[in-house]
C-alpha atoms as a PDB file:
ATOM      1  CA  MET A   1      19.011  19.303  14.667  1.00  0.00           C
ATOM      2  CA  ALA A   2      15.990  18.739  16.924  1.00  0.00           C
ATOM      3  CA  LYS A   3      14.886  22.320  16.317  1.00  0.00           C
ATOM      4  CA  ILE A   4      14.921  21.819  12.545  1.00  0.00           C
ATOM      5  CA  LYS A   5      12.976  18.557  12.891  1.00  0.00           C
ATOM      6  CA  THR A   6      10.352  20.280  15.056  1.00  0.00           C
ATOM      7  CA  ARG A   7       9.995  23.108  12.529  1.00  0.00           C
ATOM      8  CA  PHE A   8       9.681  20.590   9.714  1.00  0.00           C
ATOM      9  CA  ASN A   9       6.973  18.648  11.580  1.00  0.00           C
ATOM     10  CA  ALA A  10       5.127  21.883  12.356  1.00  0.00           C
ATOM     11  CA  SER A  11       5.192  22.935   8.700  1.00  0.00           C
ATOM     12  CA  ILE A  12       3.903  19.520   7.589  1.00  0.00           C
ATOM     13  CA  PHE A  13       1.123  19.745  10.181  1.00  0.00           C
ATOM     14  CA  LEU A  14       0.196  23.241   8.983  1.00  0.00           C
ATOM     15  CA  PHE A  15       0.167  22.060   5.369  1.00  0.00           C
ATOM     16  CA  LEU A  16      -2.119  19.138   6.264  1.00  0.00           C
ATOM     17  CA  CYS A  17      -4.463  21.466   8.172  1.00  0.00           C
ATOM     18  CA  TRP A  18      -4.751  23.725   5.121  1.00  0.00           C
ATOM     19  CA  LEU A  19      -5.300  20.707   2.904  1.00  0.00           C
ATOM     20  CA  LEU A  20      -8.092  19.536   5.195  1.00  0.00           C
ATOM     21  CA  LEU A  21      -9.733  22.977   5.123  1.00  0.00           C
ATOM     22  CA  ILE A  22      -9.609  23.019   1.335  1.00  0.00           C
ATOM     23  CA  TYR A  23     -11.164  19.543   1.232  1.00  0.00           C
ATOM     24  CA  GLU A  24     -13.930  20.634   3.626  1.00  0.00           C
ATOM     25  CA  ALA A  25     -14.629  23.709   1.515  1.00  0.00           C
ATOM     26  CA  ILE A  26     -14.891  21.577  -1.629  1.00  0.00           C
ATOM     27  CA  LEU A  27     -17.232  19.188   0.193  1.00  0.00           C
ATOM     28  CA  THR A  28     -19.416  22.062   1.375  1.00  0.00           C
ATOM     29  CA  VAL A  29     -19.612  23.627  -2.077  1.00  0.00           C
ATOM     30  CA  SER A  30     -20.496  20.292  -3.695  1.00  0.00           C
ATOM     31  CA  VAL A  31     -23.269  19.588  -1.153  1.00  0.00           C
ATOM     32  CA  VAL A  32     -24.761  23.057  -1.622  1.00  0.00           C
ATOM     33  CA  TRP A  33     -24.484  22.831  -5.410  1.00  0.00           C
ATOM     34  CA  SER A  34     -26.161  19.405  -5.446  1.00  0.00           C
ATOM     35  CA  ALA A  35     -28.997  20.588  -3.193  1.00  0.00           C
ATOM     36  CA  VAL A  36     -29.605  23.682  -5.338  1.00  0.00           C
ATOM     37  CA  HIS A  37     -29.526  21.547  -8.500  1.00  0.00           C
ATOM     38  CA  GLU A  38     -32.127  19.139  -7.100  1.00  0.00           C
ATOM     39  CA  TYR A  39     -34.287  22.020  -5.872  1.00  0.00           C
ATOM     40  CA  LEU A  40     -34.234  23.676  -9.292  1.00  0.00           C
ATOM     41  CA  LYS A  41     -35.132  20.344 -10.873  1.00  0.00           C
ATOM     42  CA  MET A  42     -38.135  20.106  -8.526  1.00  0.00           C
ATOM     43  CA  VAL A  43     -39.206  23.639  -9.339  1.00  0.00           C
ATOM     44  CA  GLY A  44     -38.860  22.886 -13.051  1.00  0.00           C
ATOM     45  CA  ALA A  45     -41.032  19.784 -12.698  1.00  0.00           C
ATOM     46  CA  GLY A  46     -43.662  21.742 -10.808  1.00  0.00           C
ATOM     47  CA  HIS A  47     -44.005  19.224  -7.983  1.00  0.00           C
ATOM     48  CA  ALA A  48     -41.931  17.357  -5.434  1.00  0.00           C
ATOM     49  CA  THR A  49     -41.938  13.603  -5.113  1.00  0.00           C
ATOM     50  CA  LEU A  50     -41.073  11.646  -1.991  1.00  0.00           C
ATOM     51  CA  GLU A  51     -37.718  10.777  -3.559  1.00  0.00           C
ATOM     52  CA  ASP A  52     -36.914  14.481  -3.979  1.00  0.00           C
ATOM     53  CA  ILE A  53     -37.887  15.356  -0.427  1.00  0.00           C
ATOM     54  CA  LEU A  54     -35.808  12.541   1.077  1.00  0.00           C
ATOM     55  CA  LEU A  55     -32.836  13.510  -1.083  1.00  0.00           C
ATOM     56  CA  LEU A  56     -33.075  17.129   0.046  1.00  0.00           C
ATOM     57  CA  PHE A  57     -33.224  15.901   3.638  1.00  0.00           C
ATOM     58  CA  ILE A  58     -29.985  13.975   3.065  1.00  0.00           C
ATOM     59  CA  TYR A  59     -28.374  17.138   1.688  1.00  0.00           C
ATOM     60  CA  LEU A  60     -29.654  19.093   4.691  1.00  0.00           C
ATOM     61  CA  GLU A  61     -28.102  16.593   7.110  1.00  0.00           C
ATOM     62  CA  LEU A  62     -24.802  16.630   5.212  1.00  0.00           C
ATOM     63  CA  GLY A  63     -24.750  20.416   5.355  1.00  0.00           C
ATOM     64  CA  ALA A  64     -25.547  20.416   9.077  1.00  0.00           C
ATOM     65  CA  MET A  65     -22.823  17.863   9.713  1.00  0.00           C
ATOM     66  CA  VAL A  66     -20.211  19.917   7.857  1.00  0.00           C
ATOM     67  CA  GLY A  67     -21.352  23.104   9.608  1.00  0.00           C
ATOM     68  CA  ILE A  68     -21.062  21.508  13.034  1.00  0.00           C
ATOM     69  CA  TYR A  69     -17.639  20.173  12.113  1.00  0.00           C
ATOM     70  CA  PHE A  70     -16.463  23.678  11.192  1.00  0.00           C
ATOM     71  CA  LYS A  71     -17.723  25.048  14.526  1.00  0.00           C
ATOM     72  CA  THR A  72     -16.545  22.288  16.888  1.00  0.00           C
ATOM     73  CA  HIS A  73     -13.866  20.421  14.875  1.00  0.00           C
ATOM     74  CA  ARG A  74     -15.586  17.166  15.839  1.00  0.00           C
ATOM     75  CA  LEU A  75     -17.510  14.905  13.512  1.00  0.00           C
ATOM     76  CA  PRO A  76     -20.986  14.219  14.916  1.00  0.00           C
ATOM     77  CA  VAL A  77     -21.805  10.554  14.406  1.00  0.00           C
ATOM     78  CA  GLN A  78     -25.496  11.131  15.049  1.00  0.00           C
ATOM     79  CA  TYR A  79     -25.847  12.958  11.721  1.00  0.00           C
ATOM     80  CA  LEU A  80     -24.211  10.066   9.897  1.00  0.00           C
ATOM     81  CA  ILE A  81     -26.808   7.779  11.452  1.00  0.00           C
ATOM     82  CA  TYR A  82     -29.602  10.127  10.305  1.00  0.00           C
ATOM     83  CA  ILE A  83     -28.161  10.141   6.790  1.00  0.00           C
ATOM     84  CA  ALA A  84     -27.930   6.344   6.748  1.00  0.00           C
ATOM     85  CA  ILE A  85     -31.508   5.930   7.999  1.00  0.00           C
ATOM     86  CA  THR A  86     -32.812   8.418   5.434  1.00  0.00           C
ATOM     87  CA  ALA A  87     -30.860   6.791   2.609  1.00  0.00           C
ATOM     88  CA  LEU A  88     -32.098   3.359   3.619  1.00  0.00           C
ATOM     89  CA  SER A  89     -35.715   4.510   3.843  1.00  0.00           C
ATOM     90  CA  ARG A  90     -35.357   6.279   0.488  1.00  0.00           C
ATOM     91  CA  HIS A  91     -34.034   3.079  -1.034  1.00  0.00           C
ATOM     92  CA  LEU A  92     -36.821   0.959   0.467  1.00  0.00           C
ATOM     93  CA  VAL A  93     -39.640   3.336  -0.438  1.00  0.00           C
ATOM     94  CA  ILE A  94     -38.493   4.338  -3.915  1.00  0.00           C
ATOM     95  CA  ASP A  95     -36.522   1.431  -5.352  1.00  0.00           C
ATOM     96  CA  VAL A  96     -38.372  -1.562  -3.929  1.00  0.00           C
END
């Protein structure tokens, strides 16, 4: 009975690992797609505003954070702080 329970727990763990990888892949694709969309919008406008540059920097930090997570399987908090500081400065400079 204990052997069956261990196999069941291992299969659930494996399923959750695959689910997490799929989620990370979807997150990566959405960050890249959003960055490319904003870049093409800048190219179409013919110039880049401060809002566009700060938004691309946020996308860059999100991409770096996901890339580091794939390599080390640890979530770097320092990149979250960079993203928060950039988002706050973008809000203060653009919206206020």
